[in-house]
Amino acid sequence: MVYLVIVEGISDMGVVEGIAEKVKCPVECRRMRGNRPDKACRIIKAEAMGGEVQESDRFKGCT
């Protein structure tokens, strides 16, 4: 099972990937654009759909 980890910045992504490599845990890191945790659901939806973002969901929150 691959875990999806949503991080805020590039340095956070490096830390998470480094720790995951040491504990041998497969992760997929995705970076948010800025500190917008309410938009994290957009990334989750995109990953669930195979990486594609629908235009209708692009500017919406989790609704």
N, C-alpha and C. Protein backbone atom coordinates (compact mmCIF):
# COMPACT_ATOMS: atom_id res chain seq x y z
N MET A 1 0.84 -1.17 0.00
CA MET A 1 0.00 0.00 0.00
C MET A 1 0.90 1.24 0.00
N VAL A 2 0.60 2.16 -0.88
CA VAL A 2 1.33 3.42 -0.95
C VAL A 2 0.50 4.49 -0.25
N TYR A 3 1.14 5.24 0.63
CA TYR A 3 0.46 6.28 1.39
C TYR A 3 0.61 7.62 0.70
N LEU A 4 -0.46 8.39 0.66
CA LEU A 4 -0.45 9.73 0.09
C LEU A 4 -0.19 10.72 1.22
N VAL A 5 0.88 11.51 1.07
CA VAL A 5 1.24 12.51 2.07
C VAL A 5 1.22 13.87 1.37
N ILE A 6 0.44 14.79 1.92
CA ILE A 6 0.34 16.13 1.36
C ILE A 6 1.16 17.06 2.24
N VAL A 7 2.14 17.72 1.64
CA VAL A 7 3.05 18.59 2.39
C VAL A 7 2.91 20.03 1.90
N GLU A 8 3.46 20.96 2.69
CA GLU A 8 3.33 22.37 2.35
C GLU A 8 4.44 22.85 1.41
N GLY A 9 5.65 22.39 1.61
CA GLY A 9 6.75 22.91 0.80
C GLY A 9 7.70 21.82 0.33
N ILE A 10 8.69 22.25 -0.45
CA ILE A 10 9.65 21.31 -1.02
C ILE A 10 10.53 20.70 0.06
N SER A 11 10.93 21.50 1.04
CA SER A 11 11.77 20.96 2.11
C SER A 11 11.00 19.94 2.95
N ASP A 12 9.72 20.20 3.18
CA ASP A 12 8.89 19.23 3.90
C ASP A 12 8.80 17.92 3.12
N MET A 13 8.70 18.02 1.81
CA MET A 13 8.63 16.84 0.96
C MET A 13 9.91 16.02 1.10
N GLY A 14 11.04 16.69 1.12
CA GLY A 14 12.31 15.98 1.27
C GLY A 14 12.43 15.26 2.60
N VAL A 15 11.96 15.91 3.67
CA VAL A 15 12.00 15.29 5.00
C VAL A 15 11.12 14.05 5.03
N VAL A 16 9.90 14.17 4.53
CA VAL A 16 8.96 13.04 4.55
C VAL A 16 9.50 11.88 3.71
N GLU A 17 10.02 12.18 2.52
CA GLU A 17 10.56 11.12 1.67
C GLU A 17 11.78 10.46 2.31
N GLY A 18 12.61 11.27 2.99
CA GLY A 18 13.79 10.71 3.66
C GLY A 18 13.41 9.77 4.79
N ILE A 19 12.45 10.18 5.60
CA ILE A 19 12.00 9.33 6.71
C ILE A 19 11.35 8.06 6.16
N ALA A 20 10.52 8.21 5.14
CA ALA A 20 9.85 7.04 4.55
C ALA A 20 10.86 6.05 3.98
N GLU A 21 11.93 6.57 3.41
CA GLU A 21 12.96 5.69 2.86
C GLU A 21 13.67 4.93 3.97
N LYS A 22 13.93 5.60 5.09
CA LYS A 22 14.61 4.94 6.21
C LYS A 22 13.76 3.85 6.84
N VAL A 23 12.46 4.07 6.94
CA VAL A 23 11.58 3.07 7.56
C VAL A 23 10.97 2.13 6.52
N LYS A 24 11.39 2.29 5.27
CA LYS A 24 10.93 1.43 4.17
C LYS A 24 9.42 1.42 4.03
N CYS A 25 8.85 2.61 4.00
CA CYS A 25 7.41 2.78 3.84
C CYS A 25 7.16 3.52 2.53
N PRO A 26 6.43 2.94 1.60
CA PRO A 26 6.20 3.61 0.31
C PRO A 26 5.23 4.78 0.46
N VAL A 27 5.66 5.96 0.02
CA VAL A 27 4.82 7.15 0.09
C VAL A 27 4.82 7.87 -1.25
N GLU A 28 3.74 8.57 -1.52
CA GLU A 28 3.63 9.49 -2.65
C GLU A 28 3.43 10.87 -2.04
N CYS A 29 4.39 11.75 -2.21
CA CYS A 29 4.29 13.10 -1.66
C CYS A 29 3.74 14.04 -2.71
N ARG A 30 2.80 14.84 -2.31
CA ARG A 30 2.25 15.89 -3.17
C ARG A 30 2.33 17.20 -2.41
N ARG A 31 2.68 18.26 -3.11
CA ARG A 31 2.87 19.57 -2.49
C ARG A 31 1.65 20.44 -2.69
N MET A 32 1.22 21.07 -1.59
CA MET A 32 0.13 22.05 -1.69
C MET A 32 0.71 23.36 -2.21
N ARG A 33 -0.13 24.18 -2.75
CA ARG A 33 0.29 25.50 -3.20
C ARG A 33 -0.02 26.49 -2.09
N GLY A 34 0.98 26.78 -1.27
CA GLY A 34 0.77 27.68 -0.15
C GLY A 34 0.16 26.94 1.03
N ASN A 35 -0.13 27.69 2.05
CA ASN A 35 -0.69 27.12 3.27
C ASN A 35 -2.21 27.14 3.17
N ARG A 36 -2.77 26.25 2.38
CA ARG A 36 -4.21 26.19 2.15
C ARG A 36 -4.72 24.79 2.43
N PRO A 37 -4.83 24.40 3.70
CA PRO A 37 -5.28 23.04 4.00
C PRO A 37 -6.69 22.74 3.50
N ASP A 38 -7.51 23.78 3.29
CA ASP A 38 -8.86 23.54 2.77
C ASP A 38 -8.83 23.08 1.32
N LYS A 39 -7.74 23.29 0.63
CA LYS A 39 -7.61 22.86 -0.77
C LYS A 39 -6.95 21.49 -0.91
N ALA A 40 -6.61 20.86 0.21
CA ALA A 40 -5.97 19.55 0.16
C ALA A 40 -6.89 18.51 -0.46
N CYS A 41 -8.20 18.71 -0.33
CA CYS A 41 -9.14 17.74 -0.90
C CYS A 41 -9.04 17.71 -2.42
N ARG A 42 -8.63 18.80 -3.06
CA ARG A 42 -8.45 18.83 -4.51
C ARG A 42 -7.36 17.85 -4.92
N ILE A 43 -6.30 17.82 -4.14
CA ILE A 43 -5.19 16.90 -4.42
C ILE A 43 -5.64 15.46 -4.21
N ILE A 44 -6.42 15.23 -3.16
CA ILE A 44 -6.90 13.87 -2.88
C ILE A 44 -7.83 13.40 -3.99
N LYS A 45 -8.72 14.27 -4.45
CA LYS A 45 -9.62 13.91 -5.55
C LYS A 45 -8.83 13.61 -6.82
N ALA A 46 -7.82 14.42 -7.11
CA ALA A 46 -7.02 14.23 -8.31
C ALA A 46 -6.29 12.89 -8.27
N GLU A 47 -5.73 12.55 -7.13
CA GLU A 47 -5.03 11.27 -7.00
C GLU A 47 -6.00 10.10 -7.12
N ALA A 48 -7.19 10.24 -6.57
CA ALA A 48 -8.18 9.17 -6.64
C ALA A 48 -8.65 8.94 -8.08
N MET A 49 -8.62 10.01 -8.90
CA MET A 49 -9.05 9.91 -10.29
C MET A 49 -7.90 9.55 -11.21
N GLY A 50 -6.74 9.29 -10.67
CA GLY A 50 -5.60 8.91 -11.49
C GLY A 50 -4.74 10.10 -11.89
N GLY A 51 -4.77 11.17 -11.13
CA GLY A 51 -3.93 12.31 -11.39
C GLY A 51 -4.55 13.38 -12.25
N GLU A 52 -5.78 13.21 -12.67
CA GLU A 52 -6.43 14.21 -13.51
C GLU A 52 -7.31 15.11 -12.66
N VAL A 53 -7.30 16.39 -12.97
CA VAL A 53 -8.15 17.34 -12.26
C VAL A 53 -9.23 17.80 -13.22
N GLN A 54 -10.48 17.68 -12.80
CA GLN A 54 -11.58 18.16 -13.63
C GLN A 54 -11.68 19.67 -13.50
N GLU A 55 -12.00 20.33 -14.59
CA GLU A 55 -12.12 21.79 -14.56
C GLU A 55 -13.22 22.25 -13.61
N SER A 56 -14.29 21.47 -13.46
CA SER A 56 -15.38 21.89 -12.58
C SER A 56 -14.96 21.87 -11.12
N ASP A 57 -13.97 21.05 -10.75
CA ASP A 57 -13.51 20.96 -9.36
C ASP A 57 -12.28 21.82 -9.10
N ARG A 58 -11.78 22.48 -10.09
CA ARG A 58 -10.51 23.16 -9.97
C ARG A 58 -10.51 24.28 -8.94
N PHE A 59 -11.57 25.08 -8.89
CA PHE A 59 -11.59 26.23 -8.00
C PHE A 59 -12.56 26.06 -6.85
N LYS A 60 -13.02 24.85 -6.62
CA LYS A 60 -13.93 24.57 -5.50
C LYS A 60 -13.15 24.01 -4.34
N GLY A 61 -13.74 24.07 -3.18
CA GLY A 61 -13.16 23.44 -2.01
C GLY A 61 -13.55 21.98 -1.98
N CYS A 62 -13.85 21.48 -0.82
CA CYS A 62 -14.20 20.06 -0.66
C CYS A 62 -15.67 19.79 -0.91
N THR A 63 -16.41 20.75 -1.37
CA THR A 63 -17.85 20.54 -1.58
C THR A 63 -18.11 19.75 -2.82
